C-alpha atoms as a PDB file:
ATOM      1  CA  MET A   1     161.643 254.739 140.004  1.00  0.00           C
ATOM      2  CA  LEU A   2     162.521 257.276 137.385  1.00  0.00           C
ATOM      3  CA  GLU A   3     166.238 257.697 136.920  1.00  0.00           C
ATOM      4  CA  THR A   4     167.296 261.310 136.774  1.00  0.00           C
ATOM      5  CA  VAL A   5     170.276 262.207 134.620  1.00  0.00           C
ATOM      6  CA  HIS A   6     172.299 265.363 135.047  1.00  0.00           C
ATOM      7  CA  PRO A   7     172.672 267.393 131.762  1.00  0.00           C
ATOM      8  CA  GLU A   8     176.397 267.001 131.882  1.00  0.00           C
ATOM      9  CA  ARG A   9     176.013 263.249 131.323  1.00  0.00           C
ATOM     10  CA  ARG A  10     173.680 263.656 128.507  1.00  0.00           C
ATOM     11  CA  LYS A  11     174.585 263.968 124.755  1.00  0.00           C
ATOM     12  CA  GLY A  12     175.664 267.406 123.722  1.00  0.00           C
ATOM     13  CA  PRO A  13     178.650 269.763 123.916  1.00  0.00           C
ATOM     14  CA  MET A  14     178.946 269.481 127.697  1.00  0.00           C
ATOM     15  CA  ASN A  15     179.878 265.802 127.368  1.00  0.00           C
ATOM     16  CA  GLN A  16     183.303 266.909 126.220  1.00  0.00           C
ATOM     17  CA  GLN A  17     185.639 266.553 129.275  1.00  0.00           C
ATOM     18  CA  ASN A  18     188.444 268.860 129.880  1.00  0.00           C
ATOM     19  CA  SER A  19     190.285 269.051 133.227  1.00  0.00           C
ATOM     20  CA  ALA A  20     191.847 272.387 132.486  1.00  0.00           C
ATOM     21  CA  VAL A  21     188.710 274.449 133.445  1.00  0.00           C
ATOM     22  CA  PRO A  22     189.688 278.117 134.354  1.00  0.00           C
ATOM     23  CA  PRO A  23     188.857 278.954 138.048  1.00  0.00           C
ATOM     24  CA  ALA A  24     185.346 280.524 137.965  1.00  0.00           C
ATOM     25  CA  SER A  25     186.111 282.799 140.920  1.00  0.00           C
ATOM     26  CA  GLN A  26     188.854 284.505 138.808  1.00  0.00           C
ATOM     27  CA  GLN A  27     186.895 285.209 135.663  1.00  0.00           C
ATOM     28  CA  SER A  28     183.659 286.776 134.658  1.00  0.00           C
ATOM     29  CA  SER A  29     181.127 284.850 132.467  1.00  0.00           C
ATOM     30  CA  GLU A  30     181.547 287.649 129.909  1.00  0.00           C
ATOM     31  CA  ALA A  31     185.313 287.020 129.712  1.00  0.00           C
ATOM     32  CA  ILE A  32     184.838 283.388 129.300  1.00  0.00           C
ATOM     33  CA  MET A  33     182.191 283.912 126.566  1.00  0.00           C
ATOM     34  CA  ALA A  34     184.551 286.216 124.769  1.00  0.00           C
ATOM     35  CA  ARG A  35     187.102 283.519 124.494  1.00  0.00           C
ATOM     36  CA  LEU A  36     184.497 280.845 123.618  1.00  0.00           C
ATOM     37  CA  LEU A  37     183.501 283.212 120.739  1.00  0.00           C
ATOM     38  CA  LYS A  38     187.127 283.419 119.579  1.00  0.00           C
ATOM     39  CA  ASP A  39     188.125 279.685 119.566  1.00  0.00           C
ATOM     40  CA  GLY A  40     185.249 277.540 120.817  1.00  0.00           C
ATOM     41  CA  SER A  41     187.401 276.044 123.648  1.00  0.00           C
ATOM     42  CA  GLU A  42     185.991 273.074 125.443  1.00  0.00           C
ATOM     43  CA  ALA A  43     187.434 274.272 128.675  1.00  0.00           C
ATOM     44  CA  ASP A  44     185.714 277.613 128.287  1.00  0.00           C
ATOM     45  CA  PHE A  45     182.433 275.956 127.529  1.00  0.00           C
ATOM     46  CA  GLU A  46     182.779 273.719 130.554  1.00  0.00           C
ATOM     47  CA  ALA A  47     183.477 276.709 132.766  1.00  0.00           C
ATOM     48  CA  ILE A  48     180.264 278.335 131.668  1.00  0.00           C
ATOM     49  CA  TYR A  49     178.426 275.167 132.195  1.00  0.00           C
ATOM     50  CA  ARG A  50     179.745 274.659 135.614  1.00  0.00           C
ATOM     51  CA  ARG A  51     179.053 278.207 136.739  1.00  0.00           C
ATOM     52  CA  HIS A  52     175.456 278.387 135.487  1.00  0.00           C
ATOM     53  CA  ALA A  53     174.034 274.812 135.167  1.00  0.00           C
ATOM     54  CA  ARG A  54     172.648 274.437 138.750  1.00  0.00           C
ATOM     55  CA  GLU A  55     171.041 277.816 138.871  1.00  0.00           C
ATOM     56  CA  ALA A  56     169.562 277.293 135.425  1.00  0.00           C
ATOM     57  CA  LEU A  57     168.250 273.883 136.632  1.00  0.00           C
ATOM     58  CA  ASP A  58     166.742 275.417 139.764  1.00  0.00           C
ATOM     59  CA  PHE A  59     165.038 278.084 137.613  1.00  0.00           C
ATOM     60  CA  ALA A  60     163.614 275.472 135.206  1.00  0.00           C
ATOM     61  CA  TYR A  61     162.364 273.295 137.977  1.00  0.00           C
ATOM     62  CA  ARG A  62     160.688 276.226 139.606  1.00  0.00           C
ATOM     63  CA  MET A  63     158.924 276.975 136.461  1.00  0.00           C
ATOM     64  CA  LEU A  64     158.069 273.412 135.201  1.00  0.00           C
ATOM     65  CA  ARG A  65     157.873 271.469 138.545  1.00  0.00           C
ATOM     66  CA  ASP A  66     159.090 268.377 136.829  1.00  0.00           C
ATOM     67  CA  VAL A  67     162.632 267.083 137.103  1.00  0.00           C
ATOM     68  CA  SER A  68     162.806 265.349 133.680  1.00  0.00           C
ATOM     69  CA  ALA A  69     161.407 268.337 131.914  1.00  0.00           C
ATOM     70  CA  ALA A  70     163.730 270.762 133.783  1.00  0.00           C
ATOM     71  CA  GLU A  71     166.703 268.594 132.689  1.00  0.00           C
ATOM     72  CA  ASP A  72     165.567 268.600 129.082  1.00  0.00           C
ATOM     73  CA  ALA A  73     165.038 272.365 129.029  1.00  0.00           C
ATOM     74  CA  VAL A  74     168.475 273.036 130.618  1.00  0.00           C
ATOM     75  CA  GLN A  75     170.184 270.471 128.373  1.00  0.00           C
ATOM     76  CA  GLU A  76     168.695 272.214 125.333  1.00  0.00           C
ATOM     77  CA  ALA A  77     169.521 275.555 126.574  1.00  0.00           C
ATOM     78  CA  PHE A  78     173.322 274.735 126.851  1.00  0.00           C
ATOM     79  CA  THR A  79     173.243 273.110 123.376  1.00  0.00           C
ATOM     80  CA  LYS A  80     171.746 276.240 121.938  1.00  0.00           C
ATOM     81  CA  LEU A  81     174.189 278.434 123.896  1.00  0.00           C
ATOM     82  CA  TYR A  82     177.103 276.682 122.097  1.00  0.00           C
ATOM     83  CA  LYS A  83     175.356 276.526 118.799  1.00  0.00           C
ATOM     84  CA  TYR A  84     174.279 280.252 118.761  1.00  0.00           C
ATOM     85  CA  ARG A  85     177.254 281.592 120.758  1.00  0.00           C
ATOM     86  CA  TYR A  86     178.063 284.006 117.947  1.00  0.00           C
ATOM     87  CA  SER A  87     174.752 285.808 118.716  1.00  0.00           C
ATOM     88  CA  TYR A  88     176.162 286.964 122.014  1.00  0.00           C
ATOM     89  CA  ALA A  89     177.495 290.452 122.045  1.00  0.00           C
ATOM     90  CA  ALA A  90     180.677 290.370 124.088  1.00  0.00           C
ATOM     91  CA  ASP A  91     180.052 293.844 125.458  1.00  0.00           C
ATOM     92  CA  LYS A  92     176.775 292.948 126.872  1.00  0.00           C
ATOM     93  CA  PRO A  93     175.922 291.200 130.221  1.00  0.00           C
ATOM     94  CA  PHE A  94     175.886 287.352 129.901  1.00  0.00           C
ATOM     95  CA  LYS A  95     173.096 286.525 132.266  1.00  0.00           C
ATOM     96  CA  PRO A  96     170.179 288.207 130.552  1.00  0.00           C
ATOM     97  CA  TRP A  97     171.118 286.676 127.197  1.00  0.00           C
ATOM     98  CA  PHE A  98     171.575 283.285 128.754  1.00  0.00           C
ATOM     99  CA  TYR A  99     168.312 283.396 130.626  1.00  0.00           C
ATOM    100  CA  ALA A 100     166.422 284.425 127.367  1.00  0.00           C
ATOM    101  CA  ILE A 101     167.686 281.093 125.989  1.00  0.00           C
ATOM    102  CA  VAL A 102     166.629 279.171 129.035  1.00  0.00           C
ATOM    103  CA  ARG A 103     163.319 280.745 129.138  1.00  0.00           C
ATOM    104  CA  SER A 104     162.673 279.915 125.450  1.00  0.00           C
ATOM    105  CA  CYS A 105     163.699 276.276 126.043  1.00  0.00           C
ATOM    106  CA  ILE A 106     161.474 276.115 129.130  1.00  0.00           C
ATOM    107  CA  ASN A 107     158.545 277.348 127.080  1.00  0.00           C
ATOM    108  CA  ASP A 108     159.288 274.921 124.300  1.00  0.00           C
ATOM    109  CA  THR A 109     159.445 272.059 126.823  1.00  0.00           C
ATOM    110  CA  ALA A 110     156.205 273.027 128.465  1.00  0.00           C
ATOM    111  CA  ARG A 111     154.407 273.239 125.129  1.00  0.00           C
ATOM    112  CA  SER A 112     155.732 269.785 123.993  1.00  0.00           C
ATOM    113  CA  ALA A 113     154.949 267.904 127.242  1.00  0.00           C
ATOM    114  CA  ALA A 114     151.552 266.330 126.871  1.00  0.00           C
ATOM    115  CA  LYS A 115     151.599 265.575 130.652  1.00  0.00           C
ATOM    116  CA  MET A 116     154.000 266.465 133.403  1.00  0.00           C
ATOM    117  CA  GLN A 117     154.428 264.156 136.337  1.00  0.00           C
ATOM    118  CA  THR A 118     155.641 266.174 139.308  1.00  0.00           C
ATOM    119  CA  LEU A 119     158.352 264.355 141.389  1.00  0.00           C
ATOM    120  CA  PRO A 120     159.018 264.891 145.064  1.00  0.00           C
ATOM    121  CA  PRO A 121     161.644 267.494 146.047  1.00  0.00           C
ATOM    122  CA  GLU A 122     163.921 264.669 147.230  1.00  0.00           C
ATOM    123  CA  ALA A 123     164.398 263.460 143.624  1.00  0.00           C
ATOM    124  CA  PHE A 124     165.465 267.060 142.617  1.00  0.00           C
ATOM    125  CA  ALA A 125     167.868 267.095 145.590  1.00  0.00           C
ATOM    126  CA  GLN A 126     169.479 263.872 144.056  1.00  0.00           C
ATOM    127  CA  LEU A 127     169.620 265.611 140.685  1.00  0.00           C
ATOM    128  CA  SER A 128     171.181 268.728 141.990  1.00  0.00           C
ATOM    129  CA  ASP A 129     173.859 266.680 143.750  1.00  0.00           C
ATOM    130  CA  ALA A 130     174.614 264.421 140.697  1.00  0.00           C
ATOM    131  CA  GLY A 131     177.076 266.709 138.912  1.00  0.00           C
ATOM    132  CA  GLN A 132     179.073 268.051 141.790  1.00  0.00           C
ATOM    133  CA  PRO A 133     182.809 267.497 141.784  1.00  0.00           C
ATOM    134  CA  ASN A 134     182.712 266.803 145.544  1.00  0.00           C
ATOM    135  CA  GLY A 135     180.135 264.059 145.317  1.00  0.00           C
ATOM    136  CA  GLY A 136     177.299 266.318 146.208  1.00  0.00           C
ATOM    137  CA  ALA A 137     178.491 267.872 149.512  1.00  0.00           C
ATOM    138  CA  SER A 138     177.491 271.567 149.659  1.00  0.00           C
ATOM    139  CA  ASP A 139     176.733 274.139 152.314  1.00  0.00           C
ATOM    140  CA  ASP A 140     173.527 275.076 150.340  1.00  0.00           C
ATOM    141  CA  PRO A 141     172.559 272.373 148.010  1.00  0.00           C
ATOM    142  CA  SER A 142     169.790 273.422 145.526  1.00  0.00           C
ATOM    143  CA  GLY A 143     167.759 270.359 146.384  1.00  0.00           C
ATOM    144  CA  LEU A 144     167.653 271.222 150.063  1.00  0.00           C
ATOM    145  CA  LEU A 145     166.591 274.799 149.297  1.00  0.00           C
ATOM    146  CA  ILE A 146     163.728 273.477 147.113  1.00  0.00           C
ATOM    147  CA  TYR A 147     162.683 270.979 149.623  1.00  0.00           C
ATOM    148  CA  GLN A 148     162.436 273.729 152.172  1.00  0.00           C
ATOM    149  CA  GLU A 149     160.418 275.783 149.753  1.00  0.00           C
ATOM    150  CA  GLU A 150     158.089 272.868 149.234  1.00  0.00           C
ATOM    151  CA  LYS A 151     157.601 272.299 152.953  1.00  0.00           C
ATOM    152  CA  ALA A 152     156.784 275.952 153.391  1.00  0.00           C
ATOM    153  CA  GLY A 153     154.267 275.838 150.610  1.00  0.00           C
ATOM    154  CA  VAL A 154     156.209 278.317 148.440  1.00  0.00           C
ATOM    155  CA  PHE A 155     155.853 276.204 145.389  1.00  0.00           C
ATOM    156  CA  ASP A 156     152.142 276.029 145.702  1.00  0.00           C
ATOM    157  CA  MET A 157     151.969 279.799 146.230  1.00  0.00           C
ATOM    158  CA  LEU A 158     153.984 280.411 143.024  1.00  0.00           C
ATOM    159  CA  LEU A 159     151.502 278.382 141.030  1.00  0.00           C
ATOM    160  CA  VAL A 160     148.768 280.965 141.659  1.00  0.00           C
ATOM    161  CA  LEU A 161     150.697 283.339 139.565  1.00  0.00           C
ATOM    162  CA  ASP A 162     150.545 283.491 135.789  1.00  0.00           C
ATOM    163  CA  ASP A 163     153.604 282.290 133.929  1.00  0.00           C
ATOM    164  CA  GLU A 164     154.918 285.705 133.167  1.00  0.00           C
ATOM    165  CA  SER A 165     154.741 286.861 136.720  1.00  0.00           C
ATOM    166  CA  ARG A 166     155.983 283.686 138.167  1.00  0.00           C
ATOM    167  CA  GLU A 167     159.162 283.825 136.019  1.00  0.00           C
ATOM    168  CA  ILE A 168     159.852 287.401 136.972  1.00  0.00           C
ATOM    169  CA  VAL A 169     159.428 286.527 140.734  1.00  0.00           C
ATOM    170  CA  VAL A 170     161.816 283.556 140.370  1.00  0.00           C
ATOM    171  CA  MET A 171     164.317 285.514 138.349  1.00  0.00           C
ATOM    172  CA  HIS A 172     164.393 288.364 140.840  1.00  0.00           C
ATOM    173  CA  ILE A 173     164.253 286.463 144.066  1.00  0.00           C
ATOM    174  CA  PHE A 174     165.873 283.110 143.378  1.00  0.00           C
ATOM    175  CA  GLN A 175     168.248 284.021 140.548  1.00  0.00           C
ATOM    176  CA  ASN A 176     169.251 287.402 141.920  1.00  0.00           C
ATOM    177  CA  MET A 177     168.562 289.267 138.663  1.00  0.00           C
ATOM    178  CA  THR A 178     167.845 292.904 138.531  1.00  0.00           C
ATOM    179  CA  PHE A 179     164.854 294.244 136.788  1.00  0.00           C
ATOM    180  CA  PRO A 180     166.919 295.691 133.893  1.00  0.00           C
ATOM    181  CA  GLU A 181     168.503 292.135 133.459  1.00  0.00           C
ATOM    182  CA  ILE A 182     165.023 290.524 133.660  1.00  0.00           C
ATOM    183  CA  ALA A 183     163.698 292.987 131.064  1.00  0.00           C
ATOM    184  CA  GLN A 184     166.380 291.886 128.664  1.00  0.00           C
ATOM    185  CA  ALA A 185     165.718 288.269 129.245  1.00  0.00           C
ATOM    186  CA  VAL A 186     161.986 288.429 128.773  1.00  0.00           C
ATOM    187  CA  ASP A 187     162.019 291.246 126.046  1.00  0.00           C
ATOM    188  CA  SER A 188     160.224 293.764 128.166  1.00  0.00           C
ATOM    189  CA  THR A 189     161.115 296.940 130.090  1.00  0.00           C
ATOM    190  CA  ALA A 190     162.522 297.288 133.612  1.00  0.00           C
ATOM    191  CA  ASP A 191     159.499 299.316 134.717  1.00  0.00           C
ATOM    192  CA  ALA A 192     157.023 296.722 133.439  1.00  0.00           C
ATOM    193  CA  CYS A 193     158.836 293.901 135.137  1.00  0.00           C
ATOM    194  CA  ARG A 194     159.038 295.888 138.311  1.00  0.00           C
ATOM    195  CA  MET A 195     155.349 296.498 138.259  1.00  0.00           C
ATOM    196  CA  ARG A 196     154.511 292.859 137.456  1.00  0.00           C
ATOM    197  CA  PHE A 197     156.720 291.808 140.341  1.00  0.00           C
ATOM    198  CA  SER A 198     155.076 294.192 142.791  1.00  0.00           C
ATOM    199  CA  ARG A 199     151.542 292.939 141.779  1.00  0.00           C
ATOM    200  CA  ALA A 200     152.578 289.410 142.165  1.00  0.00           C
ATOM    201  CA  MET A 201     154.087 290.036 145.650  1.00  0.00           C
ATOM    202  CA  VAL A 202     150.819 291.739 146.668  1.00  0.00           C
ATOM    203  CA  LYS A 203     148.991 288.638 145.490  1.00  0.00           C
ATOM    204  CA  LEU A 204     151.341 286.332 147.326  1.00  0.00           C
ATOM    205  CA  LYS A 205     151.126 288.428 150.513  1.00  0.00           C
ATOM    206  CA  ASN A 206     147.286 288.288 150.440  1.00  0.00           C
ATOM    207  CA  LEU A 207     147.510 284.567 149.982  1.00  0.00           C
ATOM    208  CA  LEU A 208     149.801 284.198 152.996  1.00  0.00           C
ATOM    209  CA  GLN A 209     147.410 286.298 155.052  1.00  0.00           C
ATOM    210  CA  THR A 210     144.565 284.213 154.067  1.00  0.00           C
ATOM    211  CA  ARG A 211     146.357 280.890 154.921  1.00  0.00           C
ATOM    212  CA  GLY A 212     147.372 282.384 158.322  1.00  0.00           C
ATOM    213  CA  GLU A 213     143.698 283.189 159.060  1.00  0.00           C
ATOM    214  CA  LYS A 214     142.666 279.715 158.292  1.00  0.00           C
ATOM    215  CA  LYS A 215     145.145 278.189 160.745  1.00  0.00           C
END
């Protein structure tokens, strides 16, 4: 059985432990990044990691459909976030900048993977729980959400979309990103992203109707 390793336990900046992590609920990611730019604090990096790692992992898995590949992409994304943190403009939203990095790492991972072996959603559920301070207990664990999506055939439906459309759908629906934020992340315009999203949703709706007629 393939052993899945959470990015926090891999080599890289996130391996540095510091218990004095500022409460995420009391600070914006932009404020934390501003401090990270100033002094490179381990606690600030850890705060960014804890806030965004799981959703980045969810995004990577929905795009790659491979646990190990998703892990690698997210690990690389956080490594690059730390390495290139000075490219972040403190007066700009954090999420589009971060997802541009994640997206680039996903594309690099996909290109370098000679063959991806898709694992069952249960394996991803274990991965999502691995780094939780409470031992994995959660009212809405990412693994359970993805397992439910798999049962409903959502993953298979997303695969009918081209990569560009799929990432926009995932960013907007699952990552709760606005079209202007998505546009910044994918280097496009909000109108273009909105149009691609609309076309993708029409395609998915038609697929749902076809499946319903066959039942």
